[in-house]
N, C-alpha and C. Protein backbone atom coordinates (compact mmCIF):
# COMPACT_ATOMS: atom_id res chain seq x y z
N MET A 1 0.84 -1.19 0.00
CA MET A 1 0.00 0.00 0.00
C MET A 1 0.87 1.24 0.00
N ASP A 2 0.63 2.08 -0.97
CA ASP A 2 1.37 3.33 -1.04
C ASP A 2 0.59 4.42 -0.31
N THR A 3 1.26 5.07 0.61
CA THR A 3 0.65 6.21 1.28
C THR A 3 1.45 7.43 0.86
N PRO A 4 0.78 8.54 0.62
CA PRO A 4 1.51 9.73 0.20
C PRO A 4 2.46 10.18 1.30
N ASN A 5 3.67 10.50 0.91
CA ASN A 5 4.68 10.97 1.85
C ASN A 5 4.53 12.48 2.01
N THR A 6 4.02 12.91 3.16
CA THR A 6 3.75 14.32 3.37
C THR A 6 4.96 15.04 3.95
N GLU A 7 5.91 14.30 4.52
CA GLU A 7 7.06 14.99 5.06
C GLU A 7 8.10 15.22 3.97
N GLU A 8 8.92 16.24 4.18
CA GLU A 8 9.91 16.64 3.19
C GLU A 8 10.95 15.53 3.00
N PRO A 9 11.30 15.23 1.75
CA PRO A 9 12.29 14.18 1.52
C PRO A 9 13.67 14.59 2.01
N HIS A 10 14.46 13.60 2.39
CA HIS A 10 15.81 13.86 2.85
C HIS A 10 16.66 14.33 1.67
N LEU A 11 17.40 15.40 1.88
CA LEU A 11 18.27 15.92 0.83
C LEU A 11 19.71 15.59 1.17
N ARG A 12 20.43 15.12 0.16
CA ARG A 12 21.83 14.79 0.35
C ARG A 12 22.66 16.07 0.48
N HIS A 13 23.87 15.90 1.00
CA HIS A 13 24.79 17.01 1.19
C HIS A 13 25.03 17.76 -0.12
N VAL A 14 25.24 17.03 -1.19
CA VAL A 14 25.50 17.66 -2.49
C VAL A 14 24.29 18.46 -2.98
N GLU A 15 23.11 18.01 -2.66
CA GLU A 15 21.91 18.75 -3.07
C GLU A 15 21.80 20.07 -2.32
N LEU A 16 22.04 20.03 -1.00
CA LEU A 16 21.93 21.25 -0.19
C LEU A 16 23.05 22.24 -0.47
N ASP A 17 24.26 21.73 -0.69
CA ASP A 17 25.42 22.61 -0.81
C ASP A 17 25.83 22.94 -2.24
N VAL A 18 25.33 22.19 -3.22
CA VAL A 18 25.74 22.43 -4.60
C VAL A 18 24.54 22.68 -5.51
N LEU A 19 23.61 21.75 -5.56
CA LEU A 19 22.53 21.83 -6.55
C LEU A 19 21.52 22.94 -6.26
N ILE A 20 21.12 23.08 -5.00
CA ILE A 20 20.17 24.15 -4.66
C ILE A 20 20.83 25.52 -4.81
N PRO A 21 22.07 25.71 -4.32
CA PRO A 21 22.72 27.01 -4.59
C PRO A 21 22.89 27.30 -6.09
N LYS A 22 23.11 26.27 -6.90
CA LYS A 22 23.20 26.46 -8.35
C LYS A 22 21.87 26.99 -8.88
N LYS A 23 20.77 26.41 -8.41
CA LYS A 23 19.44 26.88 -8.81
C LYS A 23 19.24 28.32 -8.35
N MET A 24 19.71 28.64 -7.15
CA MET A 24 19.60 30.00 -6.64
C MET A 24 20.36 30.98 -7.53
N ARG A 25 21.57 30.61 -7.94
CA ARG A 25 22.37 31.48 -8.81
C ARG A 25 21.65 31.73 -10.14
N GLU A 26 21.11 30.65 -10.71
CA GLU A 26 20.41 30.79 -11.99
C GLU A 26 19.20 31.71 -11.87
N LYS A 27 18.41 31.51 -10.82
CA LYS A 27 17.21 32.34 -10.65
C LYS A 27 17.59 33.78 -10.30
N ALA A 28 18.63 33.96 -9.49
CA ALA A 28 19.07 35.31 -9.13
C ALA A 28 19.56 36.06 -10.37
N ARG A 29 20.26 35.35 -11.25
CA ARG A 29 20.73 35.98 -12.50
C ARG A 29 19.54 36.44 -13.34
N GLU A 30 18.47 35.64 -13.36
CA GLU A 30 17.27 36.04 -14.11
C GLU A 30 16.64 37.27 -13.46
N LEU A 31 16.56 37.26 -12.13
CA LEU A 31 15.93 38.38 -11.42
C LEU A 31 16.77 39.66 -11.51
N CYS A 32 18.09 39.50 -11.65
CA CYS A 32 18.99 40.64 -11.76
C CYS A 32 19.44 40.85 -13.21
N SER A 33 18.65 40.39 -14.15
CA SER A 33 19.08 40.39 -15.55
C SER A 33 19.43 41.78 -16.07
N GLN A 34 18.76 42.79 -15.57
CA GLN A 34 19.05 44.16 -16.00
C GLN A 34 20.49 44.52 -15.62
N HIS A 35 20.91 44.17 -14.41
CA HIS A 35 22.26 44.47 -13.95
C HIS A 35 23.29 43.59 -14.64
N VAL A 36 22.93 42.33 -14.89
CA VAL A 36 23.83 41.43 -15.63
C VAL A 36 24.08 42.00 -17.01
N GLN A 37 23.04 42.46 -17.68
CA GLN A 37 23.17 43.02 -19.02
C GLN A 37 24.03 44.28 -19.00
N ALA A 38 23.82 45.14 -18.02
CA ALA A 38 24.61 46.37 -17.93
C ALA A 38 26.09 46.06 -17.73
N PHE A 39 26.39 45.09 -16.86
CA PHE A 39 27.78 44.70 -16.61
C PHE A 39 28.39 44.07 -17.87
N SER A 40 27.64 43.20 -18.53
CA SER A 40 28.14 42.55 -19.75
C SER A 40 28.44 43.58 -20.83
N THR A 41 27.55 44.53 -21.00
CA THR A 41 27.75 45.58 -22.00
C THR A 41 29.00 46.39 -21.68
N CYS A 42 29.15 46.76 -20.42
CA CYS A 42 30.32 47.53 -20.00
C CYS A 42 31.61 46.74 -20.29
N CYS A 43 31.61 45.46 -19.98
CA CYS A 43 32.79 44.62 -20.20
C CYS A 43 33.13 44.53 -21.69
N LYS A 44 32.11 44.37 -22.52
CA LYS A 44 32.34 44.26 -23.97
C LYS A 44 32.89 45.57 -24.53
N GLU A 45 32.40 46.69 -24.02
CA GLU A 45 32.83 47.98 -24.52
C GLU A 45 34.24 48.35 -24.08
N ASN A 46 34.68 47.85 -22.92
CA ASN A 46 35.94 48.31 -22.36
C ASN A 46 37.08 47.30 -22.43
N GLY A 47 36.80 46.08 -22.84
CA GLY A 47 37.87 45.09 -22.98
C GLY A 47 38.67 44.91 -21.71
N PHE A 48 39.99 45.03 -21.81
CA PHE A 48 40.86 44.81 -20.64
C PHE A 48 40.70 45.88 -19.58
N LEU A 49 40.20 47.04 -19.95
CA LEU A 49 40.01 48.12 -18.99
C LEU A 49 38.75 47.93 -18.15
N MET A 50 38.03 46.85 -18.40
CA MET A 50 36.78 46.62 -17.66
C MET A 50 37.02 46.56 -16.16
N VAL A 51 38.20 46.08 -15.75
CA VAL A 51 38.51 45.99 -14.33
C VAL A 51 38.39 47.36 -13.67
N LEU A 52 38.81 48.37 -14.38
CA LEU A 52 38.77 49.73 -13.83
C LEU A 52 37.47 50.45 -14.13
N LYS A 53 36.97 50.28 -15.34
CA LYS A 53 35.83 51.08 -15.78
C LYS A 53 34.46 50.52 -15.41
N CYS A 54 34.38 49.25 -15.04
CA CYS A 54 33.08 48.64 -14.77
C CYS A 54 32.87 48.34 -13.29
N ARG A 55 33.60 49.02 -12.45
CA ARG A 55 33.47 48.76 -11.00
C ARG A 55 32.07 49.05 -10.49
N GLU A 56 31.50 50.15 -10.95
CA GLU A 56 30.17 50.53 -10.48
C GLU A 56 29.12 49.49 -10.89
N GLU A 57 29.15 49.07 -12.15
CA GLU A 57 28.22 48.05 -12.63
C GLU A 57 28.40 46.73 -11.89
N ASN A 58 29.68 46.39 -11.64
CA ASN A 58 29.98 45.16 -10.92
C ASN A 58 29.45 45.22 -9.49
N ALA A 59 29.62 46.35 -8.83
CA ALA A 59 29.14 46.51 -7.45
C ALA A 59 27.62 46.39 -7.38
N VAL A 60 26.93 47.02 -8.33
CA VAL A 60 25.46 46.97 -8.36
C VAL A 60 25.00 45.53 -8.60
N LEU A 61 25.64 44.85 -9.54
CA LEU A 61 25.30 43.45 -9.83
C LEU A 61 25.55 42.57 -8.61
N LYS A 62 26.69 42.76 -7.99
CA LYS A 62 27.04 41.95 -6.81
C LYS A 62 26.03 42.18 -5.68
N ASP A 63 25.63 43.43 -5.47
CA ASP A 63 24.64 43.73 -4.43
C ASP A 63 23.31 43.05 -4.72
N CYS A 64 22.89 43.10 -5.97
CA CYS A 64 21.62 42.47 -6.36
C CYS A 64 21.67 40.96 -6.13
N LEU A 65 22.74 40.33 -6.60
CA LEU A 65 22.86 38.87 -6.45
C LEU A 65 22.97 38.48 -4.98
N THR A 66 23.77 39.22 -4.21
CA THR A 66 23.97 38.90 -2.79
C THR A 66 22.67 39.02 -2.01
N LYS A 67 21.84 39.98 -2.39
CA LYS A 67 20.54 40.15 -1.73
C LYS A 67 19.74 38.85 -1.82
N TYR A 68 19.76 38.21 -2.98
CA TYR A 68 19.03 36.96 -3.15
C TYR A 68 19.74 35.79 -2.47
N TYR A 69 21.07 35.75 -2.56
CA TYR A 69 21.81 34.63 -1.97
C TYR A 69 21.61 34.55 -0.46
N LYS A 70 21.46 35.70 0.18
CA LYS A 70 21.36 35.73 1.65
C LYS A 70 19.92 35.67 2.15
N ASP A 71 18.96 35.63 1.25
CA ASP A 71 17.54 35.63 1.63
C ASP A 71 17.08 34.20 1.94
N PRO A 72 16.74 33.90 3.20
CA PRO A 72 16.32 32.53 3.55
C PRO A 72 15.02 32.12 2.85
N ASP A 73 14.14 33.06 2.58
CA ASP A 73 12.90 32.73 1.87
C ASP A 73 13.19 32.33 0.43
N PHE A 74 14.15 33.01 -0.20
CA PHE A 74 14.55 32.68 -1.57
C PHE A 74 15.17 31.28 -1.60
N PHE A 75 16.01 30.97 -0.58
CA PHE A 75 16.60 29.63 -0.49
C PHE A 75 15.50 28.59 -0.37
N GLU A 76 14.52 28.85 0.48
CA GLU A 76 13.43 27.89 0.69
C GLU A 76 12.61 27.71 -0.59
N ASP A 77 12.35 28.79 -1.32
CA ASP A 77 11.62 28.69 -2.59
C ASP A 77 12.39 27.82 -3.59
N CYS A 78 13.70 28.06 -3.68
CA CYS A 78 14.53 27.27 -4.62
C CYS A 78 14.61 25.82 -4.17
N LYS A 79 14.65 25.60 -2.87
CA LYS A 79 14.69 24.24 -2.33
C LYS A 79 13.41 23.49 -2.67
N GLN A 80 12.27 24.15 -2.49
CA GLN A 80 10.99 23.52 -2.80
C GLN A 80 10.87 23.24 -4.30
N GLU A 81 11.35 24.16 -5.12
CA GLU A 81 11.34 23.94 -6.57
C GLU A 81 12.22 22.76 -6.92
N TYR A 82 13.39 22.66 -6.30
CA TYR A 82 14.30 21.54 -6.55
C TYR A 82 13.63 20.22 -6.15
N ILE A 83 12.96 20.22 -4.99
CA ILE A 83 12.29 19.00 -4.52
C ILE A 83 11.18 18.59 -5.48
N ARG A 84 10.40 19.56 -5.98
CA ARG A 84 9.36 19.25 -6.96
C ARG A 84 9.95 18.63 -8.22
N GLU A 85 11.05 19.21 -8.71
CA GLU A 85 11.69 18.68 -9.91
C GLU A 85 12.25 17.27 -9.65
N LYS A 86 12.82 17.07 -8.46
CA LYS A 86 13.38 15.76 -8.11
C LYS A 86 12.28 14.71 -8.04
N LEU A 87 11.17 15.04 -7.40
CA LEU A 87 10.06 14.09 -7.29
C LEU A 87 9.46 13.80 -8.66
N GLU A 88 9.36 14.81 -9.50
CA GLU A 88 8.84 14.61 -10.85
C GLU A 88 9.78 13.70 -11.65
N TYR A 89 11.08 13.90 -11.48
CA TYR A 89 12.05 13.04 -12.16
C TYR A 89 11.93 11.59 -11.68
N GLU A 90 11.80 11.42 -10.36
CA GLU A 90 11.65 10.07 -9.81
C GLU A 90 10.37 9.41 -10.33
N ARG A 91 9.32 10.20 -10.53
CA ARG A 91 8.05 9.68 -11.01
C ARG A 91 8.09 9.33 -12.49
N THR A 92 8.72 10.22 -13.31
CA THR A 92 8.67 10.04 -14.76
C THR A 92 9.96 9.51 -15.37
N GLY A 93 11.09 9.79 -14.73
CA GLY A 93 12.38 9.41 -15.31
C GLY A 93 12.87 10.39 -16.35
N ILE A 94 12.15 11.50 -16.52
CA ILE A 94 12.54 12.52 -17.50
C ILE A 94 13.08 13.74 -16.75
N PRO A 95 14.34 14.14 -17.01
CA PRO A 95 14.89 15.33 -16.34
C PRO A 95 14.11 16.59 -16.73
N ALA A 96 14.14 17.59 -15.87
CA ALA A 96 13.40 18.84 -16.09
C ALA A 96 13.80 19.49 -17.42
N LYS A 97 15.09 19.49 -17.75
CA LYS A 97 15.53 20.11 -19.00
C LYS A 97 14.92 19.42 -20.20
N LYS A 98 14.88 18.10 -20.19
CA LYS A 98 14.32 17.34 -21.30
C LYS A 98 12.81 17.56 -21.40
N ARG A 99 12.16 17.65 -20.22
CA ARG A 99 10.71 17.85 -20.21
C ARG A 99 10.35 19.17 -20.89
N LYS A 100 11.15 20.19 -20.66
CA LYS A 100 10.88 21.50 -21.26
C LYS A 100 11.17 21.48 -22.75
N GLU A 101 12.18 20.71 -23.17
CA GLU A 101 12.55 20.67 -24.57
C GLU A 101 11.57 19.88 -25.41
N LYS A 102 10.99 18.82 -24.87
CA LYS A 102 10.19 17.91 -25.67
C LYS A 102 8.68 18.17 -25.57
N LEU A 103 8.31 19.41 -25.60
CA LEU A 103 6.89 19.72 -25.63
C LEU A 103 6.36 19.41 -27.02
N PRO A 104 5.19 18.81 -27.11
CA PRO A 104 4.65 18.49 -28.44
C PRO A 104 4.39 19.75 -29.24
N THR A 105 4.80 19.72 -30.50
CA THR A 105 4.60 20.89 -31.36
C THR A 105 3.30 20.82 -32.14
N SER A 106 2.83 19.60 -32.41
CA SER A 106 1.55 19.46 -33.11
C SER A 106 0.92 18.12 -32.71
N MET A 107 -0.36 18.07 -32.86
CA MET A 107 -1.07 16.83 -32.53
C MET A 107 -1.92 16.40 -33.69
């Protein structure tokens, strides 16, 4: 008899310390995309001088990203999203990336 598991699944060390922070970085980059774009543009325009000329853009980007990295609610949201993806993978055997790629185009 299968009973639904209502308690949170155990997460391995690598999941807590590597995979969830990776998800946090990806989502934070999306949320700070305006600052990422500004820093990238500055770097492309200044080449090797970017170290000197893009300090302001770098500081703003770093502040934006750090705000998300240090937010416990953001960590919990990313953790829950990771758990949902993990459970879906265990159920279907299809990784999240493949699931997004293989949407039917016509029926």
